[in-house]
Protein backbone atom coordinates (compact mmCIF):
# COMPACT_ATOMS: atom_id res chain seq x y z
CA MET A 1 47.81 22.16 -2.67
CA LYS A 2 44.71 20.03 -2.09
CA ASN A 3 45.67 19.55 1.56
CA GLU A 4 45.81 23.31 2.13
CA LEU A 5 42.30 23.77 0.78
CA VAL A 6 40.97 21.11 3.12
CA LEU A 7 42.58 22.79 6.14
CA LYS A 8 40.98 26.13 5.34
CA GLU A 9 37.54 24.52 5.29
CA LEU A 10 37.95 22.93 8.74
CA SER A 11 37.09 24.64 12.00
CA THR A 12 39.87 25.62 14.38
CA ALA A 13 39.04 22.75 16.74
CA GLU A 14 39.18 20.26 13.86
CA VAL A 15 42.56 21.61 12.74
CA LYS A 16 43.88 21.20 16.30
CA GLU A 17 42.57 17.62 16.41
CA ARG A 18 44.23 16.85 13.10
CA LEU A 19 47.48 18.41 14.35
CA ASP A 20 47.44 16.18 17.44
CA ALA A 21 46.71 13.10 15.34
CA GLU A 22 49.51 13.92 12.89
CA ARG A 23 51.99 14.45 15.72
CA ALA A 24 51.06 11.10 17.27
CA GLN A 25 51.36 9.39 13.90
CA LEU A 26 54.77 10.99 13.29
CA GLN A 27 56.05 9.76 16.66
CA LYS A 28 54.87 6.22 15.86
CA MET A 29 56.50 6.30 12.43
CA ILE A 30 59.81 7.56 13.83
CA LEU A 31 59.87 4.83 16.50
CA ASN A 32 58.93 2.14 13.98
CA HIS A 33 61.57 3.41 11.56
CA ALA A 34 64.22 3.23 14.29
CA ILE A 35 63.38 -0.42 14.96
CA SER A 36 62.95 -1.57 11.38
CA PRO A 37 63.05 0.58 8.25
CA LEU A 38 59.72 1.77 6.92
CA GLU A 39 58.63 0.67 3.49
CA ASN A 40 58.33 4.30 2.43
CA PRO A 41 60.41 6.66 4.64
CA ASN A 42 59.09 9.66 2.69
CA LYS A 43 55.91 9.35 4.76
CA ILE A 44 57.85 10.84 7.69
CA LYS A 45 58.69 13.86 5.55
CA GLU A 46 55.08 14.24 4.41
CA SER A 47 53.84 14.00 7.99
CA ARG A 48 56.20 16.79 9.05
CA LYS A 49 54.92 18.95 6.21
CA THR A 50 51.30 18.31 7.20
CA ILE A 51 52.10 19.34 10.77
CA ALA A 52 53.71 22.53 9.48
CA ARG A 53 50.66 23.28 7.33
CA CYS A 54 48.36 22.84 10.33
CA LEU A 55 50.50 25.13 12.46
CA THR A 56 50.61 27.72 9.68
CA GLU A 57 46.83 27.66 9.31
CA LEU A 58 46.33 28.04 13.07
CA ARG A 59 48.76 30.97 13.17
CA ALA A 60 47.04 32.65 10.21
CA ARG A 61 43.69 32.35 11.98
CA GLU A 62 45.20 33.76 15.17
CA ILE A 63 46.57 36.79 13.30
CA ALA A 64 43.28 37.33 11.46
CA GLU A 65 41.45 37.21 14.78
CA GLN A 66 43.76 39.83 16.29
CA ASN A 67 43.30 42.17 13.31
CA ALA A 68 39.52 41.86 13.31
């Protein structure tokens, strides 16, 4: 819930930057987890959810822009 509020306050460029950073972090976590198990594998799940939230926010802004 808190994460969603933060995304709405960011500009579109900042959301895209965060999306790129989250994707890079997810890739690193997946590779590290394949080599040796992560201490908390739920972080992978949380990272995927954050990426989905970013994509959802970008899509909502795109739709709002088209309707305006």
